[in-house]
C-alpha atoms as a PDB file:
ATOM      1  CA  MET A   1    -148.904 -15.766  -8.043  1.00  0.00           C
ATOM      2  CA  ARG A   2    -147.518 -12.451  -9.293  1.00  0.00           C
ATOM      3  CA  LEU A   3    -148.306 -10.891  -5.921  1.00  0.00           C
ATOM      4  CA  LEU A   4    -146.561 -13.722  -4.089  1.00  0.00           C
ATOM      5  CA  LEU A   5    -143.510 -13.532  -6.353  1.00  0.00           C
ATOM      6  CA  GLY A   6    -143.475  -9.772  -6.029  1.00  0.00           C
ATOM      7  CA  GLY A   7    -143.601 -10.052  -2.261  1.00  0.00           C
ATOM      8  CA  ALA A   8    -140.838 -12.657  -2.229  1.00  0.00           C
ATOM      9  CA  CYS A   9    -138.642 -10.503  -4.431  1.00  0.00           C
ATOM     10  CA  ALA A  10    -139.280  -7.534  -2.180  1.00  0.00           C
ATOM     11  CA  VAL A  11    -138.193  -9.545   0.872  1.00  0.00           C
ATOM     12  CA  VAL A  12    -135.019 -10.698  -0.902  1.00  0.00           C
ATOM     13  CA  LEU A  13    -134.233  -7.159  -1.968  1.00  0.00           C
ATOM     14  CA  ALA A  14    -134.879  -5.876   1.543  1.00  0.00           C
ATOM     15  CA  VAL A  15    -132.588  -8.500   3.091  1.00  0.00           C
ATOM     16  CA  THR A  16    -129.929  -7.727   0.494  1.00  0.00           C
ATOM     17  CA  ALA A  17    -130.232  -4.019   1.222  1.00  0.00           C
ATOM     18  CA  VAL A  18    -129.886  -4.636   4.963  1.00  0.00           C
ATOM     19  CA  THR A  19    -126.846  -6.836   4.378  1.00  0.00           C
ATOM     20  CA  VAL A  20    -125.199  -4.250   2.160  1.00  0.00           C
ATOM     21  CA  ALA A  21    -126.090  -1.446   4.549  1.00  0.00           C
ATOM     22  CA  GLY A  22    -124.621  -3.431   7.438  1.00  0.00           C
ATOM     23  CA  THR A  23    -121.257  -3.773   5.725  1.00  0.00           C
ATOM     24  CA  ALA A  24    -121.085  -0.538   3.766  1.00  0.00           C
ATOM     25  CA  HIS A  25    -119.654   1.444   6.681  1.00  0.00           C
ATOM     26  CA  ALA A  26    -116.643  -0.852   7.195  1.00  0.00           C
ATOM     27  CA  GLU A  27    -113.460   0.948   6.213  1.00  0.00           C
ATOM     28  CA  ALA A  28    -110.213  -0.634   5.096  1.00  0.00           C
ATOM     29  CA  ASP A  29    -107.112  -0.300   7.247  1.00  0.00           C
ATOM     30  CA  ARG A  30    -105.625   3.144   6.907  1.00  0.00           C
ATOM     31  CA  THR A  31    -102.096   4.394   7.597  1.00  0.00           C
ATOM     32  CA  VAL A  32    -101.558   7.828   9.142  1.00  0.00           C
ATOM     33  CA  THR A  33     -98.152   9.513   9.341  1.00  0.00           C
ATOM     34  CA  ALA A  34     -99.035  13.214   9.726  1.00  0.00           C
ATOM     35  CA  ASN A  35    -100.996  15.149  12.348  1.00  0.00           C
ATOM     36  CA  GLU A  36    -104.699  14.444  11.956  1.00  0.00           C
ATOM     37  CA  GLU A  37    -107.874  13.627  13.825  1.00  0.00           C
ATOM     38  CA  GLY A  38    -111.161  12.225  12.558  1.00  0.00           C
ATOM     39  CA  THR A  39    -113.232   9.060  12.580  1.00  0.00           C
ATOM     40  CA  HIS A  40    -112.555   5.537  11.331  1.00  0.00           C
ATOM     41  CA  ASN A  41    -114.855   2.513  11.539  1.00  0.00           C
ATOM     42  CA  GLY A  42    -117.120   4.276  14.005  1.00  0.00           C
ATOM     43  CA  TYR A  43    -114.378   5.467  16.393  1.00  0.00           C
ATOM     44  CA  PHE A  44    -112.716   8.833  16.837  1.00  0.00           C
ATOM     45  CA  PHE A  45    -108.941   8.856  16.333  1.00  0.00           C
ATOM     46  CA  SER A  46    -106.183  11.341  17.020  1.00  0.00           C
ATOM     47  CA  TYR A  47    -102.605  11.354  15.722  1.00  0.00           C
ATOM     48  CA  TRP A  48    -100.052  13.920  16.838  1.00  0.00           C
ATOM     49  CA  LYS A  49     -96.263  14.190  16.822  1.00  0.00           C
ATOM     50  CA  ASP A  50     -93.866  17.075  16.946  1.00  0.00           C
ATOM     51  CA  SER A  51     -91.076  15.286  15.055  1.00  0.00           C
ATOM     52  CA  GLY A  52     -89.813  11.871  14.070  1.00  0.00           C
ATOM     53  CA  ASN A  53     -91.001   8.720  12.366  1.00  0.00           C
ATOM     54  CA  VAL A  54     -94.370   7.554  13.732  1.00  0.00           C
ATOM     55  CA  THR A  55     -96.680   5.242  11.792  1.00  0.00           C
ATOM     56  CA  MET A  56    -100.244   4.626  12.956  1.00  0.00           C
ATOM     57  CA  THR A  57    -102.441   2.061  11.243  1.00  0.00           C
ATOM     58  CA  LEU A  58    -106.175   2.318  11.864  1.00  0.00           C
ATOM     59  CA  GLY A  59    -107.850  -1.091  11.861  1.00  0.00           C
ATOM     60  CA  ALA A  60    -111.257  -2.633  12.361  1.00  0.00           C
ATOM     61  CA  ALA A  61    -113.606  -1.071  14.930  1.00  0.00           C
ATOM     62  CA  GLY A  62    -111.542   0.367  17.813  1.00  0.00           C
ATOM     63  CA  SER A  63    -108.193  -1.169  16.865  1.00  0.00           C
ATOM     64  CA  TYR A  64    -104.980   0.556  15.916  1.00  0.00           C
ATOM     65  CA  ARG A  65    -101.260  -0.175  15.608  1.00  0.00           C
ATOM     66  CA  VAL A  66     -98.454   2.300  16.089  1.00  0.00           C
ATOM     67  CA  GLN A  67     -94.688   2.158  15.701  1.00  0.00           C
ATOM     68  CA  TRP A  68     -92.335   4.969  16.633  1.00  0.00           C
ATOM     69  CA  ALA A  69     -88.614   5.163  16.010  1.00  0.00           C
ATOM     70  CA  ASN A  70     -85.635   6.735  17.738  1.00  0.00           C
ATOM     71  CA  GLY A  71     -85.539  10.360  16.734  1.00  0.00           C
ATOM     72  CA  THR A  72     -89.162  10.899  17.660  1.00  0.00           C
ATOM     73  CA  ASN A  73     -89.380  13.679  20.224  1.00  0.00           C
ATOM     74  CA  ASN A  74     -92.995  13.381  21.408  1.00  0.00           C
ATOM     75  CA  THR A  75     -96.023  11.598  19.974  1.00  0.00           C
ATOM     76  CA  ILE A  76     -99.498  10.689  21.185  1.00  0.00           C
ATOM     77  CA  VAL A  77    -101.969   8.644  19.146  1.00  0.00           C
ATOM     78  CA  GLY A  78    -105.070   6.585  19.842  1.00  0.00           C
ATOM     79  CA  LYS A  79    -108.664   5.639  19.165  1.00  0.00           C
ATOM     80  CA  GLY A  80    -111.748   6.325  21.241  1.00  0.00           C
ATOM     81  CA  TRP A  81    -114.660   8.755  21.278  1.00  0.00           C
ATOM     82  CA  ASN A  82    -115.620  12.369  20.834  1.00  0.00           C
ATOM     83  CA  PRO A  83    -116.953  13.577  23.189  1.00  0.00           C
ATOM     84  CA  GLY A  84    -115.561  11.853  26.240  1.00  0.00           C
ATOM     85  CA  ALA A  85    -117.892  10.582  28.955  1.00  0.00           C
ATOM     86  CA  ARG A  86    -118.264   8.544  32.145  1.00  0.00           C
ATOM     87  CA  ARG A  87    -118.038   5.347  30.150  1.00  0.00           C
ATOM     88  CA  VAL A  88    -116.660   1.936  31.036  1.00  0.00           C
ATOM     89  CA  VAL A  89    -113.773   1.218  28.671  1.00  0.00           C
ATOM     90  CA  THR A  90    -112.258  -2.156  27.949  1.00  0.00           C
ATOM     91  CA  TYR A  91    -109.052  -2.648  25.998  1.00  0.00           C
ATOM     92  CA  SER A  92    -106.532  -5.320  25.060  1.00  0.00           C
ATOM     93  CA  GLY A  93    -103.365  -5.656  23.037  1.00  0.00           C
ATOM     94  CA  THR A  94     -99.610  -5.410  23.291  1.00  0.00           C
ATOM     95  CA  TRP A  95     -97.224  -2.584  24.166  1.00  0.00           C
ATOM     96  CA  HIS A  96     -93.429  -2.536  23.868  1.00  0.00           C
ATOM     97  CA  SER A  97     -91.301   0.432  24.882  1.00  0.00           C
ATOM     98  CA  ASN A  98     -87.587   1.112  24.714  1.00  0.00           C
ATOM     99  CA  GLY A  99     -87.526   4.125  26.995  1.00  0.00           C
ATOM    100  CA  ASN A 100     -90.057   6.768  27.906  1.00  0.00           C
ATOM    101  CA  SER A 101     -93.646   6.033  26.985  1.00  0.00           C
ATOM    102  CA  TRP A 102     -96.965   5.030  28.472  1.00  0.00           C
ATOM    103  CA  LEU A 103    -100.416   3.666  27.718  1.00  0.00           C
ATOM    104  CA  ALA A 104    -103.355   5.658  29.089  1.00  0.00           C
ATOM    105  CA  LEU A 105    -106.988   6.632  28.820  1.00  0.00           C
ATOM    106  CA  TYR A 106    -106.481  10.244  27.727  1.00  0.00           C
ATOM    107  CA  GLY A 107    -108.788  13.191  27.190  1.00  0.00           C
ATOM    108  CA  TRP A 108    -109.541  16.911  27.342  1.00  0.00           C
ATOM    109  CA  THR A 109    -112.299  19.152  28.676  1.00  0.00           C
ATOM    110  CA  ARG A 110    -113.114  22.823  28.211  1.00  0.00           C
ATOM    111  CA  ASN A 111    -114.379  25.362  30.763  1.00  0.00           C
ATOM    112  CA  PRO A 112    -112.197  24.539  32.568  1.00  0.00           C
ATOM    113  CA  LEU A 113    -109.516  23.502  30.106  1.00  0.00           C
ATOM    114  CA  ILE A 114    -108.159  20.224  31.504  1.00  0.00           C
ATOM    115  CA  GLU A 115    -105.877  17.519  30.104  1.00  0.00           C
ATOM    116  CA  TYR A 116    -106.339  14.183  31.894  1.00  0.00           C
ATOM    117  CA  TYR A 117    -104.743  10.730  32.007  1.00  0.00           C
ATOM    118  CA  VAL A 118    -105.553   7.356  33.511  1.00  0.00           C
ATOM    119  CA  VAL A 119    -102.148   5.703  33.084  1.00  0.00           C
ATOM    120  CA  GLU A 120    -102.197   1.904  32.836  1.00  0.00           C
ATOM    121  CA  THR A 121     -98.504   1.216  32.237  1.00  0.00           C
ATOM    122  CA  PHE A 122     -95.333   3.211  31.607  1.00  0.00           C
ATOM    123  CA  GLY A 123     -91.715   2.747  30.621  1.00  0.00           C
ATOM    124  CA  THR A 124     -88.570   4.326  32.027  1.00  0.00           C
ATOM    125  CA  LEU A 125     -90.119   7.359  33.668  1.00  0.00           C
ATOM    126  CA  ILE A 126     -93.218   7.919  35.766  1.00  0.00           C
ATOM    127  CA  PRO A 127     -94.724  10.883  33.903  1.00  0.00           C
ATOM    128  CA  THR A 128     -95.904  12.765  37.004  1.00  0.00           C
ATOM    129  CA  ALA A 129     -92.512  13.880  38.310  1.00  0.00           C
ATOM    130  CA  GLY A 130     -92.936  17.316  39.857  1.00  0.00           C
ATOM    131  CA  ALA A 131     -96.713  16.957  40.134  1.00  0.00           C
ATOM    132  CA  SER A 132     -98.637  17.261  43.408  1.00  0.00           C
ATOM    133  CA  ARG A 133     -99.747  13.901  44.732  1.00  0.00           C
ATOM    134  CA  LEU A 134    -103.202  14.094  46.290  1.00  0.00           C
ATOM    135  CA  GLY A 135    -104.152  10.535  47.265  1.00  0.00           C
ATOM    136  CA  THR A 136    -105.150   7.162  45.873  1.00  0.00           C
ATOM    137  CA  ILE A 137    -108.211   5.254  44.735  1.00  0.00           C
ATOM    138  CA  GLN A 138    -108.983   1.577  44.311  1.00  0.00           C
ATOM    139  CA  SER A 139    -110.620   0.840  40.965  1.00  0.00           C
ATOM    140  CA  ASP A 140    -110.820  -2.064  38.540  1.00  0.00           C
ATOM    141  CA  GLY A 141    -108.698  -4.340  40.694  1.00  0.00           C
ATOM    142  CA  GLY A 142    -105.814  -1.940  41.261  1.00  0.00           C
ATOM    143  CA  THR A 143    -104.494   1.081  43.137  1.00  0.00           C
ATOM    144  CA  TYR A 144    -104.080   4.380  41.335  1.00  0.00           C
ATOM    145  CA  ASP A 145    -102.134   7.381  42.644  1.00  0.00           C
ATOM    146  CA  ILE A 146    -103.801  10.731  41.967  1.00  0.00           C
ATOM    147  CA  TYR A 147    -101.772  13.765  40.901  1.00  0.00           C
ATOM    148  CA  ARG A 148    -102.294  17.272  39.597  1.00  0.00           C
ATOM    149  CA  SER A 149     -99.766  19.290  37.607  1.00  0.00           C
ATOM    150  CA  LEU A 150     -99.846  22.758  36.077  1.00  0.00           C
ATOM    151  CA  ARG A 151     -98.906  23.569  32.479  1.00  0.00           C
ATOM    152  CA  VAL A 152     -98.058  27.237  31.958  1.00  0.00           C
ATOM    153  CA  ASN A 153     -98.329  28.766  28.491  1.00  0.00           C
ATOM    154  CA  GLN A 154     -98.228  25.427  26.709  1.00  0.00           C
ATOM    155  CA  PRO A 155     -99.971  24.128  23.573  1.00  0.00           C
ATOM    156  CA  SER A 156    -103.461  22.745  24.113  1.00  0.00           C
ATOM    157  CA  ILE A 157    -106.575  21.924  22.125  1.00  0.00           C
ATOM    158  CA  ASP A 158    -107.346  25.659  22.336  1.00  0.00           C
ATOM    159  CA  GLY A 159    -103.912  26.981  21.452  1.00  0.00           C
ATOM    160  CA  ILE A 160    -101.291  28.264  23.882  1.00  0.00           C
ATOM    161  CA  ALA A 161    -102.826  28.283  27.351  1.00  0.00           C
ATOM    162  CA  THR A 162    -102.268  27.633  31.039  1.00  0.00           C
ATOM    163  CA  PHE A 163    -104.160  24.597  32.306  1.00  0.00           C
ATOM    164  CA  TYR A 164    -104.073  21.730  34.792  1.00  0.00           C
ATOM    165  CA  GLN A 165    -103.370  18.087  34.105  1.00  0.00           C
ATOM    166  CA  TYR A 166    -105.143  15.436  36.198  1.00  0.00           C
ATOM    167  CA  TRP A 167    -103.555  12.023  36.606  1.00  0.00           C
ATOM    168  CA  SER A 168    -104.420   8.583  37.899  1.00  0.00           C
ATOM    169  CA  VAL A 169    -101.364   6.305  37.660  1.00  0.00           C
ATOM    170  CA  ARG A 170    -101.859   2.584  38.188  1.00  0.00           C
ATOM    171  CA  ARG A 171     -99.303   0.885  40.442  1.00  0.00           C
ATOM    172  CA  GLN A 172     -99.959  -2.616  39.123  1.00  0.00           C
ATOM    173  CA  LYS A 173     -98.937  -2.094  35.505  1.00  0.00           C
ATOM    174  CA  ARG A 174    -101.026  -3.854  32.890  1.00  0.00           C
ATOM    175  CA  VAL A 175    -101.795  -3.888  29.176  1.00  0.00           C
ATOM    176  CA  GLY A 176    -105.438  -4.883  28.971  1.00  0.00           C
ATOM    177  CA  GLY A 177    -108.461  -4.688  31.211  1.00  0.00           C
ATOM    178  CA  THR A 178    -111.358  -2.451  32.165  1.00  0.00           C
ATOM    179  CA  ILE A 179    -111.193   1.243  33.045  1.00  0.00           C
ATOM    180  CA  THR A 180    -114.242   2.595  34.860  1.00  0.00           C
ATOM    181  CA  VAL A 181    -113.661   6.183  33.849  1.00  0.00           C
ATOM    182  CA  GLY A 182    -116.323   7.635  36.137  1.00  0.00           C
ATOM    183  CA  ASN A 183    -114.467   6.301  39.173  1.00  0.00           C
ATOM    184  CA  HIS A 184    -111.521   8.513  38.321  1.00  0.00           C
ATOM    185  CA  PHE A 185    -113.702  11.520  37.598  1.00  0.00           C
ATOM    186  CA  ASP A 186    -115.341  11.073  41.016  1.00  0.00           C
ATOM    187  CA  ALA A 187    -112.029  10.589  42.817  1.00  0.00           C
ATOM    188  CA  TRP A 188    -110.572  13.694  41.206  1.00  0.00           C
ATOM    189  CA  GLY A 189    -113.684  15.631  42.199  1.00  0.00           C
ATOM    190  CA  GLN A 190    -113.263  14.557  45.818  1.00  0.00           C
ATOM    191  CA  HIS A 191    -109.910  16.358  45.728  1.00  0.00           C
ATOM    192  CA  GLY A 192    -111.391  19.480  44.161  1.00  0.00           C
ATOM    193  CA  LEU A 193    -110.280  18.649  40.621  1.00  0.00           C
ATOM    194  CA  GLN A 194    -113.209  19.677  38.454  1.00  0.00           C
ATOM    195  CA  LEU A 195    -113.746  18.791  34.813  1.00  0.00           C
ATOM    196  CA  GLY A 196    -115.556  20.799  32.175  1.00  0.00           C
ATOM    197  CA  THR A 197    -117.335  20.029  28.918  1.00  0.00           C
ATOM    198  CA  HIS A 198    -115.780  16.954  27.371  1.00  0.00           C
ATOM    199  CA  HIS A 199    -113.832  16.984  24.124  1.00  0.00           C
ATOM    200  CA  TYR A 200    -112.244  13.751  22.894  1.00  0.00           C
ATOM    201  CA  GLN A 201    -111.311  10.671  24.948  1.00  0.00           C
ATOM    202  CA  ILE A 202    -108.985   7.985  23.559  1.00  0.00           C
ATOM    203  CA  LEU A 203    -106.977   4.940  24.625  1.00  0.00           C
ATOM    204  CA  ALA A 204    -103.639   6.537  23.846  1.00  0.00           C
ATOM    205  CA  THR A 205    -100.066   5.477  23.273  1.00  0.00           C
ATOM    206  CA  GLU A 206     -97.704   8.321  24.162  1.00  0.00           C
ATOM    207  CA  ALA A 207     -93.928   8.338  23.769  1.00  0.00           C
ATOM    208  CA  TYR A 208     -91.089  10.749  24.404  1.00  0.00           C
ATOM    209  CA  GLN A 209     -87.575  10.350  22.944  1.00  0.00           C
ATOM    210  CA  SER A 210     -87.840   6.584  22.687  1.00  0.00           C
ATOM    211  CA  SER A 211     -88.786   3.788  20.306  1.00  0.00           C
ATOM    212  CA  GLY A 212     -91.399   1.083  20.490  1.00  0.00           C
ATOM    213  CA  SER A 213     -94.736  -0.205  19.282  1.00  0.00           C
ATOM    214  CA  SER A 214     -98.233  -1.038  20.458  1.00  0.00           C
ATOM    215  CA  THR A 215    -101.268  -2.826  19.068  1.00  0.00           C
ATOM    216  CA  ILE A 216    -104.455  -1.859  20.886  1.00  0.00           C
ATOM    217  CA  THR A 217    -108.177  -2.574  20.583  1.00  0.00           C
ATOM    218  CA  VAL A 218    -110.562  -0.427  22.612  1.00  0.00           C
ATOM    219  CA  SER A 219    -114.335  -0.577  23.074  1.00  0.00           C
ATOM    220  CA  GLU A 220    -117.074   0.565  25.425  1.00  0.00           C
ATOM    221  CA  VAL A 221    -118.817  -1.755  27.879  1.00  0.00           C
ATOM    222  CA  LEU A 222    -122.545  -1.063  27.655  1.00  0.00           C
ATOM    223  CA  GLY A 223    -124.976  -1.645  30.502  1.00  0.00           C
ATOM    224  CA  PRO A 224    -125.267  -0.602  34.161  1.00  0.00           C
ATOM    225  CA  GLN A 225    -122.332   1.329  35.599  1.00  0.00           C
ATOM    226  CA  PRO A 226    -120.217  -0.537  38.184  1.00  0.00           C
ATOM    227  CA  SER A 227    -120.167   0.668  41.777  1.00  0.00           C
ATOM    228  CA  ALA A 228    -118.102   3.695  42.703  1.00  0.00           C
ATOM    229  CA  SER A 229    -114.436   3.504  43.555  1.00  0.00           C
ATOM    230  CA  THR A 230    -113.153   3.610  47.105  1.00  0.00           C
ATOM    231  CA  PRO A 231    -110.451   5.910  48.435  1.00  0.00           C
ATOM    232  CA  GLY A 232    -107.126   4.269  49.109  1.00  0.00           C
ATOM    233  CA  PRO A 233    -105.462   4.284  52.527  1.00  0.00           C
ATOM    234  CA  GLU A 234    -104.014   7.627  53.574  1.00  0.00           C
ATOM    235  CA  PRO A 235    -101.242   8.384  53.932  1.00  0.00           C
ATOM    236  CA  SER A 236    -100.038   6.034  51.236  1.00  0.00           C
ATOM    237  CA  THR A 237     -96.559   5.500  49.879  1.00  0.00           C
ATOM    238  CA  PRO A 238     -96.251   6.092  46.146  1.00  0.00           C
ATOM    239  CA  PRO A 239     -94.213   3.662  44.045  1.00  0.00           C
ATOM    240  CA  PRO A 240     -90.462   4.300  43.743  1.00  0.00           C
ATOM    241  CA  SER A 241     -89.424   6.475  40.843  1.00  0.00           C
ATOM    242  CA  THR A 242     -86.270   7.367  38.987  1.00  0.00           C
ATOM    243  CA  ALA A 243     -88.137  10.086  37.151  1.00  0.00           C
ATOM    244  CA  LYS A 244     -86.312  13.204  36.089  1.00  0.00           C
ATOM    245  CA  GLY A 245     -89.334  15.003  34.718  1.00  0.00           C
ATOM    246  CA  TRP A 246     -91.318  14.868  31.512  1.00  0.00           C
ATOM    247  CA  PRO A 247     -90.795  18.083  29.536  1.00  0.00           C
ATOM    248  CA  TYR A 248     -93.017  17.172  26.610  1.00  0.00           C
ATOM    249  CA  PRO A 249     -95.384  19.548  24.786  1.00  0.00           C
ATOM    250  CA  ALA A 250     -99.125  18.963  24.822  1.00  0.00           C
ATOM    251  CA  PRO A 251    -100.848  18.197  21.505  1.00  0.00           C
ATOM    252  CA  PRO A 252    -101.637  21.307  19.476  1.00  0.00           C
ATOM    253  CA  VAL A 253    -104.881  22.431  17.918  1.00  0.00           C
ATOM    254  CA  PHE A 254    -105.691  20.556  14.721  1.00  0.00           C
END
């Protein structure tokens, strides 16, 4: 009887320990208002601004909320992973912009130093004004225009440097869906745009001299990778733009 009771108690204690261990990692919502990067509830996060009033609230799993006010020059915040990879990303939420901002899968690589964007929606300006348009791809139910731009002696994750930006800009704007990141990596590679060793990769809200808010939840779709993207028709007409440029600084080293 003592052995049976002892065994039963051991099972109860083991179950209790598993239950506690399964919930111990959950972190309470956290508000960030100054430049920082780190992890929260199992996801990497990055917060950066150069000036202004920007409030980011880190929530459960891959969720975050951000509000930015007039007077903010440039800000970029988000949740995701470190390092980046050829993952399939799914996201949902809301995004409201009064002016210049966008929602994008955003990341960096080293050797070569590259800043990259897969832009899902944008506000007043298309952020690739002045960039070289290279083509299009079809991916995840939409058409993306591919661009490359050069940043000369600008802040980067490795300090002041000269580096390229790679862009995929979705024509059919949306806030929510799946981003097959590898499709964009492959399409960029077909145009000679090579990536290096991945640093972080986040579902980012970026804004420039505007106000607005977004509430986003991001996660990774596990399982077999979808089929590769297909090139879009060439030549292809890019969407109309009233862009006057996007003279924002890149995020600095933390």
